Amino acid sequence: MALRVVHSSVERAGGRLWTGPEEAERLVPRHVPRPRLHLVREWAEGDDVYRAELYDFVADGAVPATPVLTEAPRLTATWWSGLRTAIGSLFAVRTERTAVRQADAEVSGP
């Protein structure tokens, strides 16, 4: 298992950014491969709110660890086929969430 803990001020906690993992677990089809969310706990201390999420552990690293590919990933044809299937399944999921913020998608030049 893997534990993710996030922190926010009381004023900023909540809404789509705060509850996204639970929404994804509810809306994304079970056959789409991803770490499953098993448990969520929230607590407040003063003006701070904390949220702990327990997921399946994934031993493989990210491809890549940043939003920008700097080299071609070495992945099998089966992996790419599975990705196409997963994307097709995700396309059918209706949500109000923003998947990528513009700032994350922009790449600055040298």
PDB file of N, CA and C in Angstrom:
ATOM      1  N   MET A   1       0.832  -1.173   0.000  1.00  0.00           N
ATOM      2  CA  MET A   1       0.000   0.000   0.000  1.00  0.00           C
ATOM      3  C   MET A   1       0.886   1.249   0.000  1.00  0.00           C
ATOM      4  N   ALA A   2       0.330   2.320  -0.523  1.00  0.00           N
ATOM      5  CA  ALA A   2       1.020   3.604  -0.559  1.00  0.00           C
ATOM      6  C   ALA A   2       0.128   4.651   0.098  1.00  0.00           C
ATOM      7  N   LEU A   3       0.728   5.512   0.887  1.00  0.00           N
ATOM      8  CA  LEU A   3      -0.011   6.543   1.602  1.00  0.00           C
ATOM      9  C   LEU A   3       0.322   7.906   1.008  1.00  0.00           C
ATOM     10  N   ARG A   4      -0.707   8.662   0.699  1.00  0.00           N
ATOM     11  CA  ARG A   4      -0.559  10.042   0.215  1.00  0.00           C
ATOM     12  C   ARG A   4      -1.232  10.940   1.246  1.00  0.00           C
ATOM     13  N   VAL A   5      -0.518  11.960   1.714  1.00  0.00           N
ATOM     14  CA  VAL A   5      -1.085  12.897   2.676  1.00  0.00           C
ATOM     15  C   VAL A   5      -1.002  14.294   2.078  1.00  0.00           C
ATOM     16  N   VAL A   6      -2.122  15.001   2.082  1.00  0.00           N
ATOM     17  CA  VAL A   6      -2.157  16.380   1.589  1.00  0.00           C
ATOM     18  C   VAL A   6      -2.624  17.294   2.712  1.00  0.00           C
ATOM     19  N   HIS A   7      -2.271  18.555   2.570  1.00  0.00           N
ATOM     20  CA  HIS A   7      -2.569  19.550   3.593  1.00  0.00           C
ATOM     21  C   HIS A   7      -3.147  20.787   2.930  1.00  0.00           C
ATOM     22  N   SER A   8      -4.055  21.445   3.613  1.00  0.00           N
ATOM     23  CA  SER A   8      -4.629  22.686   3.115  1.00  0.00           C
ATOM     24  C   SER A   8      -5.099  23.507   4.303  1.00  0.00           C
ATOM     25  N   SER A   9      -5.280  24.782   4.050  1.00  0.00           N
ATOM     26  CA  SER A   9      -5.918  25.603   5.073  1.00  0.00           C
ATOM     27  C   SER A   9      -7.407  25.258   5.070  1.00  0.00           C
ATOM     28  N   VAL A  10      -8.077  25.529   6.160  1.00  0.00           N
ATOM     29  CA  VAL A  10      -9.506  25.230   6.266  1.00  0.00           C
ATOM     30  C   VAL A  10     -10.275  25.912   5.139  1.00  0.00           C
ATOM     31  N   GLU A  11      -9.901  27.151   4.805  1.00  0.00           N
ATOM     32  CA  GLU A  11     -10.626  27.891   3.769  1.00  0.00           C
ATOM     33  C   GLU A  11     -10.502  27.258   2.388  1.00  0.00           C
ATOM     34  N   ARG A  12      -9.400  26.608   2.111  1.00  0.00           N
ATOM     35  CA  ARG A  12      -9.155  26.080   0.764  1.00  0.00           C
ATOM     36  C   ARG A  12      -9.497  24.605   0.613  1.00  0.00           C
ATOM     37  N   ALA A  13      -9.677  23.904   1.703  1.00  0.00           N
ATOM     38  CA  ALA A  13      -9.984  22.472   1.635  1.00  0.00           C
ATOM     39  C   ALA A  13     -11.403  22.271   1.103  1.00  0.00           C
ATOM     40  N   GLY A  14     -11.579  21.217   0.327  1.00  0.00           N
ATOM     41  CA  GLY A  14     -12.893  20.898  -0.214  1.00  0.00           C
ATOM     42  C   GLY A  14     -12.941  21.138  -1.705  1.00  0.00           C
ATOM     43  N   GLY A  15     -14.094  20.889  -2.289  1.00  0.00           N
ATOM     44  CA  GLY A  15     -14.271  21.096  -3.717  1.00  0.00           C
ATOM     45  C   GLY A  15     -13.642  20.001  -4.554  1.00  0.00           C
ATOM     46  N   ARG A  16     -13.617  20.236  -5.861  1.00  0.00           N
ATOM     47  CA  ARG A  16     -13.165  19.214  -6.810  1.00  0.00           C
ATOM     48  C   ARG A  16     -11.707  18.823  -6.633  1.00  0.00           C
ATOM     49  N   LEU A  17     -10.837  19.768  -6.315  1.00  0.00           N
ATOM     50  CA  LEU A  17      -9.430  19.407  -6.141  1.00  0.00           C
ATOM     51  C   LEU A  17      -9.228  18.536  -4.911  1.00  0.00           C
ATOM     52  N   TRP A  18     -10.034  18.708  -3.908  1.00  0.00           N
ATOM     53  CA  TRP A  18      -9.898  17.966  -2.660  1.00  0.00           C
ATOM     54  C   TRP A  18     -10.502  16.570  -2.776  1.00  0.00           C
ATOM     55  N   THR A  19     -11.600  16.435  -3.508  1.00  0.00           N
ATOM     56  CA  THR A  19     -12.332  15.158  -3.550  1.00  0.00           C
ATOM     57  C   THR A  19     -12.112  14.383  -4.853  1.00  0.00           C
ATOM     58  N   GLY A  20     -11.190  14.815  -5.685  1.00  0.00           N
ATOM     59  CA  GLY A  20     -10.946  14.165  -6.969  1.00  0.00           C
ATOM     60  C   GLY A  20     -10.652  12.674  -6.908  1.00  0.00           C
ATOM     61  N   PRO A  21      -9.806  12.222  -5.968  1.00  0.00           N
ATOM     62  CA  PRO A  21      -9.523  10.784  -5.919  1.00  0.00           C
ATOM     63  C   PRO A  21     -10.770   9.929  -5.699  1.00  0.00           C
ATOM     64  N   GLU A  22     -11.673  10.377  -4.848  1.00  0.00           N
ATOM     65  CA  GLU A  22     -12.906   9.614  -4.617  1.00  0.00           C
ATOM     66  C   GLU A  22     -13.812   9.657  -5.841  1.00  0.00           C
ATOM     67  N   GLU A  23     -13.856  10.805  -6.510  1.00  0.00           N
ATOM     68  CA  GLU A  23     -14.664  10.915  -7.720  1.00  0.00           C
ATOM     69  C   GLU A  23     -14.119   9.982  -8.800  1.00  0.00           C
ATOM     70  N   ALA A  24     -12.805   9.942  -8.955  1.00  0.00           N
ATOM     71  CA  ALA A  24     -12.198   9.051  -9.950  1.00  0.00           C
ATOM     72  C   ALA A  24     -12.487   7.592  -9.621  1.00  0.00           C
ATOM     73  N   GLU A  25     -12.391   7.232  -8.364  1.00  0.00           N
ATOM     74  CA  GLU A  25     -12.666   5.844  -7.976  1.00  0.00           C
ATOM     75  C   GLU A  25     -14.111   5.469  -8.275  1.00  0.00           C
ATOM     76  N   ARG A  26     -15.018   6.416  -8.128  1.00  0.00           N
ATOM     77  CA  ARG A  26     -16.437   6.167  -8.383  1.00  0.00           C
ATOM     78  C   ARG A  26     -16.767   6.141  -9.870  1.00  0.00           C
ATOM     79  N   LEU A  27     -16.137   7.023 -10.674  1.00  0.00           N
ATOM     80  CA  LEU A  27     -16.538   7.203 -12.065  1.00  0.00           C
ATOM     81  C   LEU A  27     -15.732   6.410 -13.089  1.00  0.00           C
ATOM     82  N   VAL A  28     -14.459   6.199 -12.841  1.00  0.00           N
ATOM     83  CA  VAL A  28     -13.606   5.525 -13.828  1.00  0.00           C
ATOM     84  C   VAL A  28     -13.888   4.025 -13.794  1.00  0.00           C
ATOM     85  N   PRO A  29     -14.114   3.425 -14.960  1.00  0.00           N
ATOM     86  CA  PRO A  29     -14.410   1.981 -15.002  1.00  0.00           C
ATOM     87  C   PRO A  29     -13.320   1.147 -14.318  1.00  0.00           C
ATOM     88  N   ARG A  30     -13.740   0.083 -13.671  1.00  0.00           N
ATOM     89  CA  ARG A  30     -12.814  -0.778 -12.908  1.00  0.00           C
ATOM     90  C   ARG A  30     -11.729  -1.393 -13.788  1.00  0.00           C
ATOM     91  N   HIS A  31     -12.015  -1.606 -15.081  1.00  0.00           N
ATOM     92  CA  HIS A  31     -11.021  -2.262 -15.932  1.00  0.00           C
ATOM     93  C   HIS A  31      -9.894  -1.316 -16.373  1.00  0.00           C
ATOM     94  N   VAL A  32     -10.010  -0.018 -16.090  1.00  0.00           N
ATOM     95  CA  VAL A  32      -8.930   0.919 -16.425  1.00  0.00           C
ATOM     96  C   VAL A  32      -7.838   0.753 -15.372  1.00  0.00           C
ATOM     97  N   PRO A  33      -6.629   0.374 -15.793  1.00  0.00           N
ATOM     98  CA  PRO A  33      -5.562   0.126 -14.812  1.00  0.00           C
ATOM     99  C   PRO A  33      -5.103   1.417 -14.136  1.00  0.00           C
ATOM    100  N   ARG A  34      -5.054   1.383 -12.825  1.00  0.00           N
ATOM    101  CA  ARG A  34      -4.581   2.498 -12.019  1.00  0.00           C
ATOM    102  C   ARG A  34      -4.499   2.027 -10.570  1.00  0.00           C
ATOM    103  N   PRO A  35      -3.762   2.729  -9.734  1.00  0.00           N
ATOM    104  CA  PRO A  35      -3.776   2.372  -8.305  1.00  0.00           C
ATOM    105  C   PRO A  35      -5.165   2.611  -7.722  1.00  0.00           C
ATOM    106  N   ARG A  36      -5.706   1.635  -7.040  1.00  0.00           N
ATOM    107  CA  ARG A  36      -7.031   1.753  -6.437  1.00  0.00           C
ATOM    108  C   ARG A  36      -6.932   2.540  -5.131  1.00  0.00           C
ATOM    109  N   LEU A  37      -7.928   3.364  -4.902  1.00  0.00           N
ATOM    110  CA  LEU A  37      -8.049   4.107  -3.652  1.00  0.00           C
ATOM    111  C   LEU A  37      -8.817   3.227  -2.672  1.00  0.00           C
ATOM    112  N   HIS A  38      -8.216   2.936  -1.515  1.00  0.00           N
ATOM    113  CA  HIS A  38      -8.836   2.034  -0.550  1.00  0.00           C
ATOM    114  C   HIS A  38      -9.473   2.744   0.635  1.00  0.00           C
ATOM    115  N   LEU A  39      -8.871   3.838   1.073  1.00  0.00           N
ATOM    116  CA  LEU A  39      -9.336   4.456   2.304  1.00  0.00           C
ATOM    117  C   LEU A  39      -8.955   5.929   2.315  1.00  0.00           C
ATOM    118  N   VAL A  40      -9.842   6.766   2.840  1.00  0.00           N
ATOM    119  CA  VAL A  40      -9.589   8.200   2.980  1.00  0.00           C
ATOM    120  C   VAL A  40      -9.928   8.603   4.406  1.00  0.00           C
ATOM    121  N   ARG A  41      -9.027   9.376   5.017  1.00  0.00           N
ATOM    122  CA  ARG A  41      -9.280   9.933   6.345  1.00  0.00           C
ATOM    123  C   ARG A  41      -8.922  11.410   6.308  1.00  0.00           C
ATOM    124  N   GLU A  42      -9.768  12.240   6.910  1.00  0.00           N
ATOM    125  CA  GLU A  42      -9.508  13.674   7.001  1.00  0.00           C
ATOM    126  C   GLU A  42      -9.567  14.093   8.462  1.00  0.00           C
ATOM    127  N   TRP A  43      -8.755  15.085   8.806  1.00  0.00           N
ATOM    128  CA  TRP A  43      -8.806  15.646  10.138  1.00  0.00           C
ATOM    129  C   TRP A  43      -8.322  17.090  10.103  1.00  0.00           C
ATOM    130  N   ALA A  44      -8.740  17.844  11.103  1.00  0.00           N
ATOM    131  CA  ALA A  44      -8.373  19.254  11.193  1.00  0.00           C
ATOM    132  C   ALA A  44      -7.636  19.504  12.506  1.00  0.00           C
ATOM    133  N   GLU A  45      -6.684  20.405  12.422  1.00  0.00           N
ATOM    134  CA  GLU A  45      -5.964  20.869  13.610  1.00  0.00           C
ATOM    135  C   GLU A  45      -5.831  22.378  13.467  1.00  0.00           C
ATOM    136  N   GLY A  46      -6.592  23.101  14.244  1.00  0.00           N
ATOM    137  CA  GLY A  46      -6.570  24.557  14.157  1.00  0.00           C
ATOM    138  C   GLY A  46      -7.089  25.012  12.808  1.00  0.00           C
ATOM    139  N   ASP A  47      -6.284  25.809  12.096  1.00  0.00           N
ATOM    140  CA  ASP A  47      -6.666  26.327  10.774  1.00  0.00           C
ATOM    141  C   ASP A  47      -6.215  25.423   9.638  1.00  0.00           C
ATOM    142  N   ASP A  48      -5.723  24.232   9.945  1.00  0.00           N
ATOM    143  CA  ASP A  48      -5.199  23.305   8.942  1.00  0.00           C
ATOM    144  C   ASP A  48      -6.067  22.066   8.831  1.00  0.00           C
ATOM    145  N   VAL A  49      -6.207  21.575   7.584  1.00  0.00           N
ATOM    146  CA  VAL A  49      -6.941  20.338   7.320  1.00  0.00           C
ATOM    147  C   VAL A  49      -5.979  19.375   6.633  1.00  0.00           C
ATOM    148  N   TYR A  50      -6.033  18.123   7.022  1.00  0.00           N
ATOM    149  CA  TYR A  50      -5.185  17.079   6.448  1.00  0.00           C
ATOM    150  C   TYR A  50      -6.064  15.997   5.856  1.00  0.00           C
ATOM    151  N   ARG A  51      -5.527  15.353   4.840  1.00  0.00           N
ATOM    152  CA  ARG A  51      -6.254  14.277   4.166  1.00  0.00           C
ATOM    153  C   ARG A  51      -5.248  13.173   3.860  1.00  0.00           C
ATOM    154  N   ALA A  52      -5.532  11.970   4.304  1.00  0.00           N
ATOM    155  CA  ALA A  52      -4.683  10.816   4.033  1.00  0.00           C
ATOM    156  C   ALA A  52      -5.442   9.864   3.121  1.00  0.00           C
ATOM    157  N   GLU A  53      -4.777   9.414   2.057  1.00  0.00           N
ATOM    158  CA  GLU A  53      -5.383   8.504   1.078  1.00  0.00           C
ATOM    159  C   GLU A  53      -4.499   7.267   0.960  1.00  0.00           C
ATOM    160  N   LEU A  54      -5.094   6.109   1.087  1.00  0.00           N
ATOM    161  CA  LEU A  54      -4.366   4.848   0.995  1.00  0.00           C
ATOM    162  C   LEU A  54      -4.651   4.197  -0.350  1.00  0.00           C
ATOM    163  N   TYR A  55      -3.596   3.985  -1.150  1.00  0.00           N
ATOM    164  CA  TYR A  55      -3.690   3.446  -2.509  1.00  0.00           C
ATOM    165  C   TYR A  55      -2.929   2.132  -2.636  1.00  0.00           C
ATOM    166  N   ASP A  56      -3.211   1.426  -3.733  1.00  0.00           N
ATOM    167  CA  ASP A  56      -2.349   0.314  -4.112  1.00  0.00           C
ATOM    168  C   ASP A  56      -0.954   0.855  -4.356  1.00  0.00           C
ATOM    169  N   PHE A  57       0.056   0.089  -4.003  1.00  0.00           N
ATOM    170  CA  PHE A  57       1.433   0.473  -4.276  1.00  0.00           C
ATOM    171  C   PHE A  57       1.785   0.102  -5.708  1.00  0.00           C
ATOM    172  N   VAL A  58       2.432   1.011  -6.424  1.00  0.00           N
ATOM    173  CA  VAL A  58       2.878   0.759  -7.795  1.00  0.00           C
ATOM    174  C   VAL A  58       4.404   0.847  -7.813  1.00  0.00           C
ATOM    175  N   ALA A  59       5.050  -0.256  -8.131  1.00  0.00           N
ATOM    176  CA  ALA A  59       6.510  -0.296  -8.098  1.00  0.00           C
ATOM    177  C   ALA A  59       7.137   0.402  -9.300  1.00  0.00           C
ATOM    178  N   ASP A  60       6.435   0.421 -10.440  1.00  0.00           N
ATOM    179  CA  ASP A  60       6.982   1.060 -11.632  1.00  0.00           C
ATOM    180  C   ASP A  60       7.000   2.575 -11.449  1.00  0.00           C
ATOM    181  N   GLY A  61       8.022   3.217 -11.996  1.00  0.00           N
ATOM    182  CA  GLY A  61       8.102   4.668 -11.927  1.00  0.00           C
ATOM    183  C   GLY A  61       7.204   5.323 -12.956  1.00  0.00           C
ATOM    184  N   ALA A  62       7.073   6.624 -12.846  1.00  0.00           N
ATOM    185  CA  ALA A  62       6.264   7.383 -13.801  1.00  0.00           C
ATOM    186  C   ALA A  62       6.981   7.459 -15.143  1.00  0.00           C
ATOM    187  N   VAL A  63       6.224   7.672 -16.197  1.00  0.00           N
ATOM    188  CA  VAL A  63       6.786   7.794 -17.545  1.00  0.00           C
ATOM    189  C   VAL A  63       6.393   9.139 -18.105  1.00  0.00           C
ATOM    190  N   PRO A  64       7.153  10.148 -18.030  1.00  0.00           N
ATOM    191  CA  PRO A  64       8.271  10.374 -17.111  1.00  0.00           C
ATOM    192  C   PRO A  64       7.759  10.935 -15.790  1.00  0.00           C
ATOM    193  N   ALA A  65       8.672  11.355 -14.944  1.00  0.00           N
ATOM    194  CA  ALA A  65       8.287  11.903 -13.642  1.00  0.00           C
ATOM    195  C   ALA A  65       7.799  13.350 -13.755  1.00  0.00           C
ATOM    196  N   THR A  66       7.945  13.956 -14.915  1.00  0.00           N
ATOM    197  CA  THR A  66       7.496  15.330 -15.144  1.00  0.00           C
ATOM    198  C   THR A  66       6.455  15.328 -16.260  1.00  0.00           C
ATOM    199  N   PRO A  67       5.698  16.420 -16.442  1.00  0.00           N
ATOM    200  CA  PRO A  67       4.666  16.442 -17.486  1.00  0.00           C
ATOM    201  C   PRO A  67       5.210  16.453 -18.914  1.00  0.00           C
ATOM    202  N   VAL A  68       6.524  16.615 -19.103  1.00  0.00           N
ATOM    203  CA  VAL A  68       7.099  16.740 -20.441  1.00  0.00           C
ATOM    204  C   VAL A  68       8.019  15.554 -20.731  1.00  0.00           C
ATOM    205  N   LEU A  69       7.776  14.882 -21.873  1.00  0.00           N
ATOM    206  CA  LEU A  69       8.681  13.808 -22.296  1.00  0.00           C
ATOM    207  C   LEU A  69       9.961  14.413 -22.843  1.00  0.00           C
ATOM    208  N   THR A  70      11.088  13.976 -22.342  1.00  0.00           N
ATOM    209  CA  THR A  70      12.371  14.449 -22.854  1.00  0.00           C
ATOM    210  C   THR A  70      13.064  13.390 -23.702  1.00  0.00           C
ATOM    211  N   GLU A  71      12.553  12.171 -23.652  1.00  0.00           N
ATOM    212  CA  GLU A  71      13.050  11.088 -24.507  1.00  0.00           C
ATOM    213  C   GLU A  71      11.924  10.088 -24.705  1.00  0.00           C
ATOM    214  N   ALA A  72      12.017   9.289 -25.742  1.00  0.00           N
ATOM    215  CA  ALA A  72      10.974   8.304 -26.035  1.00  0.00           C
ATOM    216  C   ALA A  72      10.964   7.222 -24.951  1.00  0.00           C
ATOM    217  N   PRO A  73       9.806   6.952 -24.363  1.00  0.00           N
ATOM    218  CA  PRO A  73       9.733   5.889 -23.356  1.00  0.00           C
ATOM    219  C   PRO A  73       9.885   4.522 -24.015  1.00  0.00           C
ATOM    220  N   ARG A  74      10.492   3.606 -23.318  1.00  0.00           N
ATOM    221  CA  ARG A  74      10.680   2.243 -23.830  1.00  0.00           C
ATOM    222  C   ARG A  74       9.539   1.372 -23.319  1.00  0.00           C
ATOM    223  N   LEU A  75       8.477   1.319 -24.102  1.00  0.00           N
ATOM    224  CA  LEU A  75       7.284   0.584 -23.703  1.00  0.00           C
ATOM    225  C   LEU A  75       6.898  -0.397 -24.798  1.00  0.00           C
ATOM    226  N   THR A  76       6.293  -1.500 -24.397  1.00  0.00           N
ATOM    227  CA  THR A  76       5.937  -2.550 -25.345  1.00  0.00           C
ATOM    228  C   THR A  76       4.679  -2.189 -26.131  1.00  0.00           C
ATOM    229  N   ALA A  77       4.461  -2.911 -27.229  1.00  0.00           N
ATOM    230  CA  ALA A  77       3.244  -2.726 -28.021  1.00  0.00           C
ATOM    231  C   ALA A  77       2.007  -3.069 -27.187  1.00  0.00           C
ATOM    232  N   THR A  78       2.127  -4.034 -26.296  1.00  0.00           N
ATOM    233  CA  THR A  78       1.015  -4.400 -25.417  1.00  0.00           C
ATOM    234  C   THR A  78       0.672  -3.243 -24.482  1.00  0.00           C
ATOM    235  N   TRP A  79       1.693  -2.561 -23.963  1.00  0.00           N
ATOM    236  CA  TRP A  79       1.460  -1.418 -23.082  1.00  0.00           C
ATOM    237  C   TRP A  79       0.698  -0.325 -23.833  1.00  0.00           C
ATOM    238  N   TRP A  80       1.130  -0.011 -25.071  1.00  0.00           N
ATOM    239  CA  TRP A  80       0.472   1.030 -25.864  1.00  0.00           C
ATOM    240  C   TRP A  80      -0.963   0.631 -26.197  1.00  0.00           C
ATOM    241  N   SER A  81      -1.193  -0.639 -26.481  1.00  0.00           N
ATOM    242  CA  SER A  81      -2.542  -1.119 -26.762  1.00  0.00           C
ATOM    243  C   SER A  81      -3.435  -0.958 -25.526  1.00  0.00           C
ATOM    244  N   GLY A  82      -2.903  -1.303 -24.375  1.00  0.00           N
ATOM    245  CA  GLY A  82      -3.644  -1.133 -23.129  1.00  0.00           C
ATOM    246  C   GLY A  82      -3.951   0.328 -22.850  1.00  0.00           C
ATOM    247  N   LEU A  83      -3.013   1.211 -23.180  1.00  0.00           N
ATOM    248  CA  LEU A  83      -3.243   2.646 -23.000  1.00  0.00           C
ATOM    249  C   LEU A  83      -4.374   3.123 -23.903  1.00  0.00           C
ATOM    250  N   ARG A  84      -4.389   2.659 -25.160  1.00  0.00           N
ATOM    251  CA  ARG A  84      -5.471   3.039 -26.082  1.00  0.00           C
ATOM    252  C   ARG A  84      -6.831   2.587 -25.540  1.00  0.00           C
ATOM    253  N   THR A  85      -6.887   1.393 -25.015  1.00  0.00           N
ATOM    254  CA  THR A  85      -8.128   0.876 -24.443  1.00  0.00           C
ATOM    255  C   THR A  85      -8.558   1.708 -23.237  1.00  0.00           C
ATOM    256  N   ALA A  86      -7.608   2.019 -22.362  1.00  0.00           N
ATOM    257  CA  ALA A  86      -7.917   2.812 -21.168  1.00  0.00           C
ATOM    258  C   ALA A  86      -8.399   4.201 -21.545  1.00  0.00           C
ATOM    259  N   ILE A  87      -7.749   4.839 -22.505  1.00  0.00           N
ATOM    260  CA  ILE A  87      -8.157   6.178 -22.936  1.00  0.00           C
ATOM    261  C   ILE A  87      -9.556   6.137 -23.534  1.00  0.00           C
ATOM    262  N   GLY A  88      -9.835   5.115 -24.314  1.00  0.00           N
ATOM    263  CA  GLY A  88     -11.179   4.961 -24.867  1.00  0.00           C
ATOM    264  C   GLY A  88     -12.230   4.850 -23.778  1.00  0.00           C
ATOM    265  N   SER A  89     -11.904   4.126 -22.711  1.00  0.00           N
ATOM    266  CA  SER A  89     -12.835   3.990 -21.584  1.00  0.00           C
ATOM    267  C   SER A  89     -12.971   5.304 -20.823  1.00  0.00           C
ATOM    268  N   LEU A  90     -11.874   6.026 -20.661  1.00  0.00           N
ATOM    269  CA  LEU A  90     -11.916   7.305 -19.950  1.00  0.00           C
ATOM    270  C   LEU A  90     -12.699   8.356 -20.711  1.00  0.00           C
ATOM    271  N   PHE A  91     -12.670   8.263 -22.031  1.00  0.00           N
ATOM    272  CA  PHE A  91     -13.381   9.223 -22.869  1.00  0.00           C
ATOM    273  C   PHE A  91     -14.871   9.245 -22.549  1.00  0.00           C
ATOM    274  N   ALA A  92     -15.391   8.101 -22.152  1.00  0.00           N
ATOM    275  CA  ALA A  92     -16.829   7.987 -21.877  1.00  0.00           C
ATOM    276  C   ALA A  92     -17.221   8.484 -20.480  1.00  0.00           C
ATOM    277  N   VAL A  93     -16.233   8.761 -19.617  1.00  0.00           N
ATOM    278  CA  VAL A  93     -16.525   9.208 -18.252  1.00  0.00           C
ATOM    279  C   VAL A  93     -16.869  10.690 -18.272  1.00  0.00           C
ATOM    280  N   ARG A  94     -18.019  11.036 -17.744  1.00  0.00           N
ATOM    281  CA  ARG A  94     -18.472  12.430 -17.701  1.00  0.00           C
ATOM    282  C   ARG A  94     -18.172  13.024 -16.331  1.00  0.00           C
ATOM    283  N   THR A  95     -17.455  14.129 -16.319  1.00  0.00           N
ATOM    284  CA  THR A  95     -17.090  14.810 -15.084  1.00  0.00           C
ATOM    285  C   THR A  95     -16.905  16.290 -15.355  1.00  0.00           C
ATOM    286  N   GLU A  96     -16.917  17.076 -14.323  1.00  0.00           N
ATOM    287  CA  GLU A  96     -16.695  18.520 -14.441  1.00  0.00           C
ATOM    288  C   GLU A  96     -15.245  18.887 -14.145  1.00  0.00           C
ATOM    289  N   ARG A  97     -14.408  17.918 -13.893  1.00  0.00           N
ATOM    290  CA  ARG A  97     -13.016  18.187 -13.510  1.00  0.00           C
ATOM    291  C   ARG A  97     -12.177  18.668 -14.687  1.00  0.00           C
ATOM    292  N   THR A  98     -11.150  19.439 -14.368  1.00  0.00           N
ATOM    293  CA  THR A  98     -10.155  19.851 -15.340  1.00  0.00           C
ATOM    294  C   THR A  98      -8.985  18.896 -15.218  1.00  0.00           C
ATOM    295  N   ALA A  99      -8.643  18.227 -16.304  1.00  0.00           N
ATOM    296  CA  ALA A  99      -7.597  17.210 -16.251  1.00  0.00           C
ATOM    297  C   ALA A  99      -6.197  17.814 -16.217  1.00  0.00           C
ATOM    298  N   VAL A 100      -5.970  18.864 -16.991  1.00  0.00           N
ATOM    299  CA  VAL A 100      -4.650  19.477 -17.066  1.00  0.00           C
ATOM    300  C   VAL A 100      -4.819  20.982 -17.039  1.00  0.00           C
ATOM    301  N   ARG A 101      -4.106  21.617 -16.146  1.00  0.00           N
ATOM    302  CA  ARG A 101      -4.123  23.077 -16.118  1.00  0.00           C
ATOM    303  C   ARG A 101      -3.194  23.599 -17.204  1.00  0.00           C
ATOM    304  N   GLN A 102      -3.519  24.740 -17.763  1.00  0.00           N
ATOM    305  CA  GLN A 102      -2.715  25.309 -18.853  1.00  0.00           C
ATOM    306  C   GLN A 102      -1.254  25.459 -18.450  1.00  0.00           C
ATOM    307  N   ALA A 103      -0.992  25.902 -17.229  1.00  0.00           N
ATOM    308  CA  ALA A 103       0.394  26.090 -16.771  1.00  0.00           C
ATOM    309  C   ALA A 103       1.180  24.781 -16.808  1.00  0.00           C
ATOM    310  N   ASP A 104       0.514  23.651 -16.562  1.00  0.00           N
ATOM    311  CA  ASP A 104       1.182  22.357 -16.618  1.00  0.00           C
ATOM    312  C   ASP A 104       1.483  21.932 -18.043  1.00  0.00           C
ATOM    313  N   ALA A 105       0.667  22.381 -18.994  1.00  0.00           N
ATOM    314  CA  ALA A 105       0.819  21.981 -20.380  1.00  0.00           C
ATOM    315  C   ALA A 105       1.834  22.837 -21.142  1.00  0.00           C
ATOM    316  N   GLU A 106       2.102  24.037 -20.661  1.00  0.00           N
ATOM    317  CA  GLU A 106       3.015  24.932 -21.354  1.00  0.00           C
ATOM    318  C   GLU A 106       4.457  24.500 -21.128  1.00  0.00           C
ATOM    319  N   VAL A 107       5.248  24.619 -22.170  1.00  0.00           N
ATOM    320  CA  VAL A 107       6.663  24.285 -22.097  1.00  0.00           C
ATOM    321  C   VAL A 107       7.441  25.541 -22.442  1.00  0.00           C
ATOM    322  N   SER A 108       8.326  25.940 -21.561  1.00  0.00           N
ATOM    323  CA  SER A 108       9.107  27.137 -21.857  1.00  0.00           C
ATOM    324  C   SER A 108      10.336  26.768 -22.678  1.00  0.00           C
ATOM    325  N   GLY A 109      10.731  27.682 -23.529  1.00  0.00           N
ATOM    326  CA  GLY A 109      11.897  27.468 -24.381  1.00  0.00           C
ATOM    327  C   GLY A 109      13.191  27.742 -23.653  1.00  0.00           C
ATOM    328  N   PRO A 110      14.332  27.480 -24.302  1.00  0.00           N
ATOM    329  CA  PRO A 110      15.641  27.683 -23.645  1.00  0.00           C
ATOM    330  C   PRO A 110      15.937  29.154 -23.398  1.00  0.00           C
TER     331      PRO A 110
END
